[in-house]
């Protein structure tokens, strides 16, 4: 095969052919390396004793199921006036886009298996129920980031606290062993894109007042 032939004796293929042949191999190599880094980060988190954090992060991860925290915040904002209400509408819309994109598209297209929490020896004190869906991307993270971004744009004072909350939710999914860090990173990117979409729709349907 051409890949195992010494460079001095390998036949010289046309430039286009050589590029086409090498790109898949290079891409596979990069993906393999990234997957190795992702697994190493997951294992490092699992191996780091954090008894003071375990219970709180486990509860936060569970509370973020079905975006319960974000929905509660949106409900409070909806009662606080026109601008907060607009922020709530944008935030809920962003959650809807993020959830649909993560669960109906991302997870079905990639189908990455969930981490092996037992092999990684994630302490039982961190455990939340292991979801049955695919691991990539993190839907919890996507929804939390989408909500924080959309609300923060409409209501800037909420940007920092909601952003910190979204970051904590994302980390909690790794800490509890149900996601790799790469799943969370992808969920965050998806959340940002979902917020942009929801904000565009909100601005079109509910034009800002003077």
N, C-alpha and C. Protein backbone atom coordinates (compact mmCIF):
# COMPACT_ATOMS: atom_id res chain seq x y z
N UNK A 1 0.84 -1.20 0.00
CA UNK A 1 0.00 0.00 0.00
C UNK A 1 0.87 1.24 0.00
N UNK A 2 0.34 2.33 -0.56
CA UNK A 2 1.13 3.55 -0.71
C UNK A 2 1.55 4.12 0.63
N UNK A 3 0.76 3.93 1.66
CA UNK A 3 1.05 4.53 2.95
C UNK A 3 2.24 3.87 3.63
N UNK A 4 2.55 2.59 3.27
CA UNK A 4 3.65 1.89 3.91
C UNK A 4 4.89 1.85 3.05
N UNK A 5 4.82 2.42 1.85
CA UNK A 5 5.98 2.44 0.97
C UNK A 5 6.89 3.59 1.33
N UNK A 6 8.22 3.38 1.45
CA UNK A 6 9.14 4.47 1.78
C UNK A 6 8.98 5.63 0.81
N UNK A 7 9.11 6.87 1.30
CA UNK A 7 8.90 8.03 0.45
C UNK A 7 9.78 8.05 -0.79
N UNK A 8 10.99 7.53 -0.70
CA UNK A 8 11.91 7.61 -1.84
C UNK A 8 11.49 6.74 -3.00
N UNK A 9 10.70 5.67 -2.70
CA UNK A 9 10.32 4.75 -3.77
C UNK A 9 8.83 4.77 -4.07
N UNK A 10 8.04 5.53 -3.29
CA UNK A 10 6.60 5.55 -3.49
C UNK A 10 6.26 6.20 -4.81
N UNK A 11 5.31 5.63 -5.56
CA UNK A 11 4.89 6.24 -6.82
C UNK A 11 4.23 7.58 -6.56
N UNK A 12 4.50 8.56 -7.39
CA UNK A 12 3.96 9.90 -7.25
C UNK A 12 2.61 9.98 -7.96
N UNK A 13 1.55 10.09 -7.18
CA UNK A 13 0.21 10.21 -7.73
C UNK A 13 -0.07 11.66 -8.05
N UNK A 14 -1.06 11.93 -8.89
CA UNK A 14 -1.44 13.31 -9.16
C UNK A 14 -1.77 14.03 -7.86
N UNK A 15 -1.53 15.35 -7.80
CA UNK A 15 -1.71 16.12 -6.59
C UNK A 15 -3.10 15.98 -6.02
N UNK A 16 -4.10 16.10 -6.88
CA UNK A 16 -5.48 15.99 -6.41
C UNK A 16 -5.76 14.64 -5.78
N UNK A 17 -5.23 13.60 -6.38
CA UNK A 17 -5.46 12.27 -5.86
C UNK A 17 -4.80 12.10 -4.49
N UNK A 18 -3.60 12.62 -4.36
CA UNK A 18 -2.88 12.49 -3.10
C UNK A 18 -3.63 13.21 -1.98
N UNK A 19 -4.14 14.38 -2.25
CA UNK A 19 -4.87 15.12 -1.22
C UNK A 19 -6.15 14.40 -0.81
N UNK A 20 -6.85 13.88 -1.80
CA UNK A 20 -8.09 13.17 -1.51
C UNK A 20 -7.83 11.94 -0.67
N UNK A 21 -6.72 11.24 -0.97
CA UNK A 21 -6.39 10.03 -0.23
C UNK A 21 -5.94 10.28 1.18
N UNK A 22 -5.30 11.41 1.44
CA UNK A 22 -4.72 11.64 2.76
C UNK A 22 -5.69 12.33 3.72
N UNK A 23 -6.60 13.07 3.21
CA UNK A 23 -7.48 13.83 4.10
C UNK A 23 -8.26 12.94 5.06
N UNK A 24 -8.90 11.86 4.59
CA UNK A 24 -9.64 11.02 5.54
C UNK A 24 -8.75 10.47 6.64
N UNK A 25 -7.52 10.03 6.29
CA UNK A 25 -6.62 9.48 7.28
C UNK A 25 -6.23 10.55 8.30
N UNK A 26 -5.94 11.75 7.84
CA UNK A 26 -5.58 12.84 8.74
C UNK A 26 -6.76 13.20 9.65
N UNK A 27 -7.95 13.23 9.08
CA UNK A 27 -9.13 13.55 9.88
C UNK A 27 -9.37 12.49 10.94
N UNK A 28 -9.22 11.22 10.56
CA UNK A 28 -9.40 10.15 11.54
C UNK A 28 -8.38 10.26 12.66
N UNK A 29 -7.16 10.61 12.30
CA UNK A 29 -6.11 10.73 13.31
C UNK A 29 -6.42 11.86 14.29
N UNK A 30 -6.89 12.99 13.75
CA UNK A 30 -7.23 14.12 14.61
C UNK A 30 -8.39 13.76 15.53
N UNK A 31 -9.42 13.12 14.97
CA UNK A 31 -10.57 12.73 15.78
C UNK A 31 -10.19 11.72 16.85
N UNK A 32 -9.28 10.81 16.51
CA UNK A 32 -8.80 9.83 17.49
C UNK A 32 -8.08 10.52 18.64
N UNK A 33 -7.24 11.50 18.29
CA UNK A 33 -6.51 12.24 19.33
C UNK A 33 -7.47 13.04 20.21
N UNK A 34 -8.45 13.71 19.58
CA UNK A 34 -9.41 14.49 20.35
C UNK A 34 -10.23 13.59 21.27
N UNK A 35 -10.57 12.41 20.77
CA UNK A 35 -11.34 11.46 21.58
C UNK A 35 -10.51 11.00 22.78
N UNK A 36 -9.20 10.82 22.54
CA UNK A 36 -8.31 10.41 23.63
C UNK A 36 -8.22 11.50 24.70
N UNK A 37 -8.10 12.76 24.26
CA UNK A 37 -8.06 13.88 25.21
C UNK A 37 -9.38 13.96 25.98
N UNK A 38 -10.49 13.80 25.27
CA UNK A 38 -11.80 13.85 25.89
C UNK A 38 -11.92 12.78 26.97
N UNK A 39 -11.50 11.57 26.65
CA UNK A 39 -11.55 10.48 27.62
C UNK A 39 -10.64 10.72 28.81
N UNK A 40 -9.47 11.30 28.55
CA UNK A 40 -8.53 11.58 29.64
C UNK A 40 -9.08 12.63 30.59
N UNK A 41 -9.72 13.67 30.05
CA UNK A 41 -10.33 14.70 30.89
C UNK A 41 -11.46 14.11 31.73
N UNK A 42 -12.26 13.27 31.11
CA UNK A 42 -13.36 12.61 31.84
C UNK A 42 -12.79 11.77 32.99
N UNK A 43 -11.74 11.00 32.70
CA UNK A 43 -11.13 10.16 33.72
C UNK A 43 -10.51 10.99 34.84
N UNK A 44 -9.93 12.14 34.48
CA UNK A 44 -9.32 13.00 35.49
C UNK A 44 -10.36 13.55 36.45
N UNK A 45 -11.50 13.97 35.91
CA UNK A 45 -12.58 14.46 36.77
C UNK A 45 -13.09 13.33 37.67
N UNK A 46 -13.26 12.15 37.09
CA UNK A 46 -13.76 11.02 37.86
C UNK A 46 -12.80 10.63 38.99
N UNK A 47 -11.50 10.78 38.74
CA UNK A 47 -10.49 10.34 39.72
C UNK A 47 -10.18 11.38 40.79
N UNK A 48 -10.71 12.59 40.64
CA UNK A 48 -10.41 13.66 41.59
C UNK A 48 -11.43 13.67 42.72
N UNK A 49 -11.00 13.40 43.96
CA UNK A 49 -11.94 13.39 45.08
C UNK A 49 -12.47 14.81 45.37
N UNK A 50 -13.79 14.97 45.38
CA UNK A 50 -14.40 16.27 45.67
C UNK A 50 -15.64 16.06 46.53
N UNK A 51 -15.47 15.51 47.74
CA UNK A 51 -16.65 15.19 48.57
C UNK A 51 -17.50 16.40 48.92
N UNK A 52 -16.89 17.59 49.01
CA UNK A 52 -17.66 18.78 49.36
C UNK A 52 -18.53 19.26 48.21
N UNK A 53 -18.21 18.85 46.98
CA UNK A 53 -18.95 19.29 45.80
C UNK A 53 -19.94 18.26 45.29
N UNK A 54 -19.70 16.99 45.60
CA UNK A 54 -20.44 15.91 44.96
C UNK A 54 -21.96 16.04 45.12
N UNK A 55 -22.41 16.26 46.33
CA UNK A 55 -23.85 16.30 46.57
C UNK A 55 -24.50 17.49 45.85
N UNK A 56 -23.87 18.67 45.95
CA UNK A 56 -24.45 19.85 45.32
C UNK A 56 -24.52 19.74 43.81
N UNK A 57 -23.46 19.22 43.19
CA UNK A 57 -23.45 19.09 41.74
C UNK A 57 -24.41 18.01 41.28
N UNK A 58 -24.56 16.96 42.09
CA UNK A 58 -25.54 15.92 41.74
C UNK A 58 -26.94 16.50 41.77
N UNK A 59 -27.24 17.30 42.77
CA UNK A 59 -28.57 17.91 42.86
C UNK A 59 -28.80 18.92 41.75
N UNK A 60 -27.76 19.69 41.41
CA UNK A 60 -27.89 20.66 40.33
C UNK A 60 -28.16 19.95 39.01
N UNK A 61 -27.44 18.87 38.77
CA UNK A 61 -27.63 18.12 37.53
C UNK A 61 -29.05 17.58 37.42
N UNK A 62 -29.56 17.06 38.54
CA UNK A 62 -30.93 16.53 38.54
C UNK A 62 -31.95 17.65 38.39
N UNK A 63 -31.68 18.79 39.02
CA UNK A 63 -32.62 19.91 38.94
C UNK A 63 -32.71 20.49 37.53
N UNK A 64 -31.65 20.28 36.75
CA UNK A 64 -31.64 20.79 35.38
C UNK A 64 -32.38 19.89 34.41
N UNK A 65 -32.83 18.72 34.86
CA UNK A 65 -33.62 17.84 33.98
C UNK A 65 -34.83 18.60 33.46
N UNK A 66 -35.07 18.46 32.16
CA UNK A 66 -36.22 19.10 31.51
C UNK A 66 -36.21 20.63 31.71
N UNK A 67 -35.00 21.18 31.91
CA UNK A 67 -34.83 22.64 32.05
C UNK A 67 -35.69 23.23 33.16
N UNK A 68 -35.87 22.48 34.25
CA UNK A 68 -36.74 22.95 35.33
C UNK A 68 -36.26 24.28 35.92
N UNK A 69 -34.95 24.42 36.08
CA UNK A 69 -34.42 25.67 36.66
C UNK A 69 -34.72 26.84 35.74
N UNK A 70 -34.44 26.67 34.46
CA UNK A 70 -34.66 27.75 33.51
C UNK A 70 -36.13 28.12 33.40
N UNK A 71 -36.99 27.14 33.41
CA UNK A 71 -38.43 27.41 33.33
C UNK A 71 -38.90 28.19 34.56
N UNK A 72 -38.35 27.84 35.72
CA UNK A 72 -38.71 28.57 36.94
C UNK A 72 -38.26 30.03 36.86
N UNK A 73 -37.04 30.24 36.37
CA UNK A 73 -36.54 31.60 36.21
C UNK A 73 -37.41 32.36 35.21
N UNK A 74 -37.77 31.72 34.11
CA UNK A 74 -38.61 32.37 33.09
C UNK A 74 -39.96 32.75 33.67
N UNK A 75 -40.52 31.89 34.50
CA UNK A 75 -41.82 32.19 35.11
C UNK A 75 -41.72 33.42 36.00
N UNK A 76 -40.62 33.54 36.75
CA UNK A 76 -40.45 34.71 37.60
C UNK A 76 -40.27 35.97 36.76
N UNK A 77 -39.51 35.86 35.67
CA UNK A 77 -39.29 37.02 34.80
C UNK A 77 -40.59 37.47 34.15
N UNK A 78 -41.43 36.53 33.80
CA UNK A 78 -42.68 36.86 33.12
C UNK A 78 -43.60 37.72 33.97
N UNK A 79 -43.37 37.71 35.27
CA UNK A 79 -44.22 38.49 36.18
C UNK A 79 -43.59 39.83 36.55
N UNK A 80 -42.41 40.13 35.96
CA UNK A 80 -41.65 41.29 36.41
C UNK A 80 -41.70 42.49 35.48
N UNK A 81 -42.54 42.47 34.44
CA UNK A 81 -42.62 43.63 33.56
C UNK A 81 -42.39 43.27 32.10
N UNK A 82 -42.50 44.27 31.24
CA UNK A 82 -42.43 44.02 29.80
C UNK A 82 -41.07 43.47 29.35
N UNK A 83 -39.99 44.13 29.73
CA UNK A 83 -38.68 43.68 29.26
C UNK A 83 -38.30 42.30 29.81
N UNK A 84 -38.47 42.06 31.12
CA UNK A 84 -38.22 40.71 31.64
C UNK A 84 -39.11 39.66 30.96
N UNK A 85 -40.36 40.05 30.66
CA UNK A 85 -41.25 39.11 29.99
C UNK A 85 -40.73 38.77 28.59
N UNK A 86 -40.21 39.77 27.91
CA UNK A 86 -39.62 39.54 26.59
C UNK A 86 -38.41 38.61 26.70
N UNK A 87 -37.63 38.83 27.76
CA UNK A 87 -36.46 37.96 27.99
C UNK A 87 -36.91 36.52 28.24
N UNK A 88 -37.99 36.37 29.00
CA UNK A 88 -38.49 35.02 29.28
C UNK A 88 -38.95 34.32 28.01
N UNK A 89 -39.64 35.06 27.15
CA UNK A 89 -40.11 34.48 25.89
C UNK A 89 -38.91 34.04 25.03
N UNK A 90 -37.91 34.91 24.94
CA UNK A 90 -36.72 34.57 24.16
C UNK A 90 -36.01 33.37 24.76
N UNK A 91 -35.93 33.32 26.08
CA UNK A 91 -35.25 32.20 26.74
C UNK A 91 -35.96 30.87 26.53
N UNK A 92 -37.27 30.87 26.67
CA UNK A 92 -38.02 29.63 26.46
C UNK A 92 -37.93 29.20 24.99
N UNK A 93 -37.97 30.16 24.08
CA UNK A 93 -37.81 29.83 22.67
C UNK A 93 -36.44 29.23 22.39
N UNK A 94 -35.41 29.76 23.03
CA UNK A 94 -34.06 29.23 22.85
C UNK A 94 -33.95 27.81 23.38
N UNK A 95 -34.60 27.54 24.52
CA UNK A 95 -34.61 26.17 25.05
C UNK A 95 -35.26 25.21 24.06
N UNK A 96 -36.38 25.64 23.48
CA UNK A 96 -37.09 24.78 22.53
C UNK A 96 -36.21 24.44 21.32
N UNK A 97 -35.53 25.45 20.80
CA UNK A 97 -34.65 25.21 19.64
C UNK A 97 -33.49 24.30 20.03
N UNK A 98 -32.88 24.58 21.18
CA UNK A 98 -31.73 23.78 21.62
C UNK A 98 -32.12 22.33 21.89
N UNK A 99 -33.23 22.14 22.56
CA UNK A 99 -33.68 20.78 22.89
C UNK A 99 -33.98 19.98 21.63
N UNK A 100 -34.69 20.60 20.70
CA UNK A 100 -35.01 19.91 19.45
C UNK A 100 -33.75 19.59 18.66
N UNK A 101 -32.84 20.55 18.59
CA UNK A 101 -31.60 20.33 17.83
C UNK A 101 -30.75 19.24 18.44
N UNK A 102 -30.65 19.23 19.77
CA UNK A 102 -29.81 18.23 20.44
C UNK A 102 -30.41 16.84 20.36
N UNK A 103 -31.70 16.74 20.65
CA UNK A 103 -32.32 15.42 20.76
C UNK A 103 -32.80 14.83 19.44
N UNK A 104 -33.29 15.68 18.55
CA UNK A 104 -33.82 15.17 17.28
C UNK A 104 -32.78 15.11 16.17
N UNK A 105 -31.73 15.91 16.31
CA UNK A 105 -30.69 15.91 15.28
C UNK A 105 -29.35 15.39 15.80
N UNK A 106 -28.76 16.12 16.75
CA UNK A 106 -27.41 15.78 17.20
C UNK A 106 -27.26 14.36 17.70
N UNK A 107 -28.09 13.94 18.62
CA UNK A 107 -27.97 12.61 19.21
C UNK A 107 -28.26 11.51 18.19
N UNK A 108 -29.17 11.77 17.27
CA UNK A 108 -29.52 10.74 16.28
C UNK A 108 -28.47 10.63 15.19
N UNK A 109 -27.78 11.73 14.91
CA UNK A 109 -26.76 11.70 13.86
C UNK A 109 -25.44 11.12 14.36
N UNK A 110 -25.04 11.49 15.56
CA UNK A 110 -23.72 11.07 16.06
C UNK A 110 -23.79 9.73 16.79
N UNK A 111 -24.79 9.54 17.63
CA UNK A 111 -25.00 8.28 18.35
C UNK A 111 -23.77 7.85 19.16
N UNK A 112 -23.17 8.77 19.86
CA UNK A 112 -22.02 8.44 20.71
C UNK A 112 -22.51 7.74 21.98
N UNK A 113 -21.90 6.60 22.33
CA UNK A 113 -22.32 5.91 23.55
C UNK A 113 -22.01 6.74 24.79
N UNK A 114 -22.77 6.53 25.83
CA UNK A 114 -22.51 7.20 27.10
C UNK A 114 -21.20 6.68 27.70
N UNK A 115 -20.57 7.48 28.56
CA UNK A 115 -19.34 7.02 29.20
C UNK A 115 -19.59 5.78 30.06
N UNK A 116 -18.54 4.98 30.24
CA UNK A 116 -18.61 3.82 31.12
C UNK A 116 -18.27 4.31 32.53
N UNK A 117 -19.28 4.71 33.25
CA UNK A 117 -19.09 5.33 34.56
C UNK A 117 -18.48 4.36 35.57
N UNK A 118 -18.82 3.09 35.45
CA UNK A 118 -18.30 2.10 36.39
C UNK A 118 -16.80 1.87 36.16
N UNK A 119 -16.40 1.76 34.90
CA UNK A 119 -14.98 1.55 34.61
C UNK A 119 -14.15 2.76 35.04
N UNK A 120 -14.72 3.94 34.91
CA UNK A 120 -14.01 5.16 35.32
C UNK A 120 -14.03 5.34 36.83
N UNK A 121 -14.80 4.51 37.53
CA UNK A 121 -14.88 4.53 38.99
C UNK A 121 -15.40 5.88 39.51
N UNK A 122 -16.43 6.37 38.85
CA UNK A 122 -17.09 7.58 39.35
C UNK A 122 -17.79 7.21 40.66
N UNK A 123 -17.47 7.93 41.71
CA UNK A 123 -18.02 7.59 43.02
C UNK A 123 -19.55 7.62 43.01
N UNK A 124 -20.14 6.71 43.74
CA UNK A 124 -21.60 6.59 43.78
C UNK A 124 -22.24 7.86 44.31
N UNK A 125 -21.54 8.61 45.14
CA UNK A 125 -22.09 9.84 45.69
C UNK A 125 -22.42 10.87 44.61
N UNK A 126 -21.84 10.71 43.42
CA UNK A 126 -22.09 11.64 42.33
C UNK A 126 -23.20 11.18 41.40
N UNK A 127 -23.62 9.95 41.52
CA UNK A 127 -24.49 9.35 40.50
C UNK A 127 -25.87 10.00 40.39
N UNK A 128 -26.25 10.25 39.15
CA UNK A 128 -27.63 10.54 38.77
C UNK A 128 -28.01 9.45 37.78
N UNK A 129 -29.29 9.25 37.51
CA UNK A 129 -29.67 8.21 36.55
C UNK A 129 -28.97 8.41 35.21
N UNK A 130 -28.40 7.34 34.69
CA UNK A 130 -27.73 7.41 33.39
C UNK A 130 -28.78 7.46 32.28
N UNK A 131 -28.82 8.53 31.49
CA UNK A 131 -29.81 8.62 30.41
C UNK A 131 -29.62 7.50 29.38
N UNK A 132 -30.70 7.16 28.71
CA UNK A 132 -30.63 6.13 27.68
C UNK A 132 -30.30 6.69 26.30
N UNK A 133 -30.39 8.00 26.17
CA UNK A 133 -30.11 8.62 24.87
C UNK A 133 -28.61 8.65 24.60
N UNK A 134 -28.25 9.01 23.37
CA UNK A 134 -26.85 9.12 23.00
C UNK A 134 -26.19 10.24 23.80
N UNK A 135 -24.87 10.20 23.87
CA UNK A 135 -24.13 11.13 24.72
C UNK A 135 -23.87 12.49 24.09
N UNK A 136 -23.75 12.52 22.78
CA UNK A 136 -23.35 13.75 22.07
C UNK A 136 -24.52 14.36 21.31
N UNK A 137 -24.79 15.65 21.52
CA UNK A 137 -24.22 16.60 22.48
C UNK A 137 -24.99 16.57 23.79
N UNK A 138 -24.53 17.35 24.77
CA UNK A 138 -25.23 17.43 26.05
C UNK A 138 -26.46 18.32 25.90
N UNK A 139 -27.63 17.72 26.01
CA UNK A 139 -28.86 18.49 25.90
C UNK A 139 -29.06 19.44 27.07
N UNK A 140 -28.67 19.01 28.28
CA UNK A 140 -28.77 19.89 29.45
C UNK A 140 -27.96 21.17 29.23
N UNK A 141 -26.74 20.98 28.75
CA UNK A 141 -25.87 22.14 28.53
C UNK A 141 -26.42 23.03 27.43
N UNK A 142 -26.86 22.42 26.34
CA UNK A 142 -27.39 23.20 25.22
C UNK A 142 -28.55 24.07 25.68
N UNK A 143 -29.47 23.50 26.44
CA UNK A 143 -30.64 24.26 26.88
C UNK A 143 -30.26 25.34 27.88
N UNK A 144 -29.36 25.02 28.81
CA UNK A 144 -28.96 26.00 29.83
C UNK A 144 -28.23 27.18 29.20
N UNK A 145 -27.32 26.89 28.27
CA UNK A 145 -26.58 27.96 27.61
C UNK A 145 -27.50 28.78 26.70
N UNK A 146 -28.41 28.11 26.01
CA UNK A 146 -29.35 28.81 25.15
C UNK A 146 -30.20 29.79 25.96
N UNK A 147 -30.71 29.31 27.09
CA UNK A 147 -31.54 30.17 27.93
C UNK A 147 -30.74 31.35 28.49
N UNK A 148 -29.56 31.07 29.02
CA UNK A 148 -28.73 32.12 29.60
C UNK A 148 -28.35 33.17 28.57
N UNK A 149 -28.02 32.74 27.37
CA UNK A 149 -27.60 33.67 26.33
C UNK A 149 -28.77 34.54 25.87
N UNK A 150 -29.90 33.91 25.58
CA UNK A 150 -31.05 34.66 25.09
C UNK A 150 -31.55 35.66 26.13
N UNK A 151 -31.68 35.22 27.37
CA UNK A 151 -32.15 36.12 28.43
C UNK A 151 -31.12 37.22 28.68
N UNK A 152 -29.84 36.85 28.67
CA UNK A 152 -28.80 37.82 28.93
C UNK A 152 -28.71 38.92 27.89
N UNK A 153 -29.03 38.60 26.65
CA UNK A 153 -29.02 39.62 25.60
C UNK A 153 -30.15 40.62 25.80
N UNK A 154 -31.32 40.11 26.14
CA UNK A 154 -32.48 40.99 26.34
C UNK A 154 -32.41 41.71 27.68
N UNK A 155 -31.87 41.04 28.66
CA UNK A 155 -31.82 41.58 30.03
C UNK A 155 -30.39 41.43 30.55
N UNK A 156 -29.49 42.34 30.18
CA UNK A 156 -28.06 42.20 30.50
C UNK A 156 -27.71 41.93 31.96
N UNK A 157 -28.41 42.48 32.96
CA UNK A 157 -28.06 42.17 34.34
C UNK A 157 -28.15 40.68 34.68
N UNK A 158 -28.92 39.92 33.88
CA UNK A 158 -29.07 38.48 34.13
C UNK A 158 -27.98 37.65 33.45
N UNK A 159 -27.17 38.28 32.61
CA UNK A 159 -26.22 37.53 31.80
C UNK A 159 -25.20 36.77 32.65
N UNK A 160 -24.58 37.45 33.60
CA UNK A 160 -23.53 36.80 34.40
C UNK A 160 -24.08 35.70 35.30
N UNK A 161 -25.11 35.95 36.12
CA UNK A 161 -25.59 34.86 36.97
C UNK A 161 -26.12 33.66 36.19
N UNK A 162 -26.83 33.92 35.10
CA UNK A 162 -27.33 32.79 34.32
C UNK A 162 -26.21 32.09 33.57
N UNK A 163 -25.21 32.85 33.13
CA UNK A 163 -24.06 32.24 32.47
C UNK A 163 -23.29 31.34 33.42
N UNK A 164 -23.10 31.79 34.66
CA UNK A 164 -22.42 30.96 35.65
C UNK A 164 -23.23 29.70 35.95
N UNK A 165 -24.54 29.87 36.03
CA UNK A 165 -25.41 28.72 36.28
C UNK A 165 -25.31 27.71 35.14
N UNK A 166 -25.33 28.21 33.91
CA UNK A 166 -25.22 27.32 32.75
C UNK A 166 -23.89 26.58 32.76
N UNK A 167 -22.82 27.29 33.10
CA UNK A 167 -21.52 26.63 33.18
C UNK A 167 -21.50 25.54 34.24
N UNK A 168 -22.13 25.82 35.38
CA UNK A 168 -22.19 24.84 36.45
C UNK A 168 -23.00 23.62 36.04
N UNK A 169 -24.11 23.85 35.32
CA UNK A 169 -24.92 22.73 34.83
C UNK A 169 -24.10 21.87 33.88
N UNK A 170 -23.39 22.52 32.95
CA UNK A 170 -22.56 21.76 32.02
C UNK A 170 -21.51 20.93 32.73
N UNK A 171 -20.81 21.55 33.68
CA UNK A 171 -19.78 20.79 34.41
C UNK A 171 -20.39 19.65 35.22
N UNK A 172 -21.57 19.90 35.78
CA UNK A 172 -22.20 18.86 36.60
C UNK A 172 -22.47 17.59 35.81
N UNK A 173 -22.67 17.73 34.50
CA UNK A 173 -22.94 16.55 33.67
C UNK A 173 -21.69 15.68 33.52
N UNK A 174 -20.53 16.31 33.53
CA UNK A 174 -19.27 15.56 33.51
C UNK A 174 -18.99 15.01 34.91
N UNK A 175 -19.20 15.83 35.90
CA UNK A 175 -18.92 15.44 37.29
C UNK A 175 -19.73 14.23 37.71
N UNK A 176 -20.97 14.17 37.27
CA UNK A 176 -21.82 13.03 37.63
C UNK A 176 -21.59 11.82 36.73
N UNK A 177 -20.75 11.98 35.72
CA UNK A 177 -20.34 10.84 34.90
C UNK A 177 -21.20 10.50 33.72
N UNK A 178 -22.17 11.36 33.37
CA UNK A 178 -23.09 11.01 32.29
C UNK A 178 -22.69 11.59 30.94
N UNK A 179 -21.68 12.47 30.93
CA UNK A 179 -21.21 13.05 29.68
C UNK A 179 -19.70 13.21 29.67
N UNK A 180 -19.13 13.14 28.47
CA UNK A 180 -17.73 13.52 28.29
C UNK A 180 -17.66 15.06 28.19
N UNK A 181 -16.50 15.65 28.49
CA UNK A 181 -16.36 17.10 28.33
C UNK A 181 -16.67 17.58 26.91
N UNK A 182 -16.32 16.78 25.91
CA UNK A 182 -16.60 17.16 24.53
C UNK A 182 -18.09 17.27 24.24
N UNK A 183 -18.89 16.44 24.90
CA UNK A 183 -20.34 16.53 24.74
C UNK A 183 -20.85 17.86 25.27
N UNK A 184 -20.28 18.29 26.39
CA UNK A 184 -20.68 19.55 27.01
C UNK A 184 -20.26 20.73 26.15
N UNK A 185 -19.03 20.67 25.62
CA UNK A 185 -18.56 21.75 24.75
C UNK A 185 -19.45 21.89 23.53
N UNK A 186 -19.80 20.76 22.93
CA UNK A 186 -20.68 20.79 21.76
C UNK A 186 -22.06 21.32 22.13
N UNK A 187 -22.55 20.94 23.30
CA UNK A 187 -23.84 21.44 23.76
C UNK A 187 -23.83 22.95 23.95
N UNK A 188 -22.70 23.48 24.45
CA UNK A 188 -22.59 24.93 24.64
C UNK A 188 -22.64 25.67 23.31
N UNK A 189 -21.93 25.14 22.31
CA UNK A 189 -21.95 25.76 20.98
C UNK A 189 -23.36 25.72 20.40
N UNK A 190 -24.01 24.57 20.55
CA UNK A 190 -25.39 24.44 20.06
C UNK A 190 -26.32 25.40 20.79
N UNK A 191 -26.09 25.58 22.08
CA UNK A 191 -26.91 26.51 22.85
C UNK A 191 -26.77 27.94 22.37
N UNK A 192 -25.55 28.35 22.06
CA UNK A 192 -25.33 29.70 21.54
C UNK A 192 -26.05 29.90 20.21
N UNK A 193 -25.94 28.90 19.33
CA UNK A 193 -26.61 29.00 18.03
C UNK A 193 -28.13 29.04 18.20
N UNK A 194 -28.63 28.27 19.14
CA UNK A 194 -30.08 28.24 19.39
C UNK A 194 -30.57 29.58 19.92
N UNK A 195 -29.76 30.21 20.77
CA UNK A 195 -30.14 31.52 21.30
C UNK A 195 -30.21 32.56 20.20
N UNK A 196 -29.24 32.53 19.30
CA UNK A 196 -29.24 33.47 18.17
C UNK A 196 -30.52 33.29 17.35
N UNK A 197 -30.88 32.04 17.10
CA UNK A 197 -32.09 31.76 16.33
C UNK A 197 -33.34 32.27 17.06
N UNK A 198 -33.42 31.96 18.34
CA UNK A 198 -34.60 32.36 19.11
C UNK A 198 -34.71 33.88 19.21
N UNK A 199 -33.59 34.55 19.36
CA UNK A 199 -33.61 36.01 19.44
C UNK A 199 -34.08 36.63 18.13
N UNK A 200 -33.64 36.05 17.02
CA UNK A 200 -34.07 36.57 15.71
C UNK A 200 -35.57 36.43 15.55
N UNK A 201 -36.11 35.28 15.95
CA UNK A 201 -37.56 35.06 15.85
C UNK A 201 -38.31 35.99 16.79
N UNK A 202 -37.80 36.13 18.02
CA UNK A 202 -38.45 37.01 18.98
C UNK A 202 -38.49 38.44 18.49
N UNK A 203 -37.38 38.91 17.92
CA UNK A 203 -37.35 40.27 17.41
C UNK A 203 -38.30 40.48 16.23
N UNK A 204 -38.50 39.41 15.45
CA UNK A 204 -39.40 39.52 14.31
C UNK A 204 -40.87 39.51 14.75
N UNK A 205 -41.17 38.68 15.76
CA UNK A 205 -42.55 38.54 16.20
C UNK A 205 -42.94 39.61 17.21
N UNK A 206 -41.98 39.97 18.09
CA UNK A 206 -42.26 40.98 19.11
C UNK A 206 -41.25 42.12 18.99
N UNK A 207 -41.46 43.03 18.08
CA UNK A 207 -40.53 44.14 17.91
C UNK A 207 -40.33 44.89 19.21
N UNK A 208 -39.07 45.28 19.46
CA UNK A 208 -38.76 45.99 20.70
C UNK A 208 -39.47 47.35 20.72
N UNK A 209 -39.95 47.73 21.89
CA UNK A 209 -40.64 49.01 22.03
C UNK A 209 -39.61 50.13 22.28
N UNK A 210 -39.89 51.28 21.57
CA UNK A 210 -39.10 52.48 21.72
C UNK A 210 -37.93 52.31 22.58
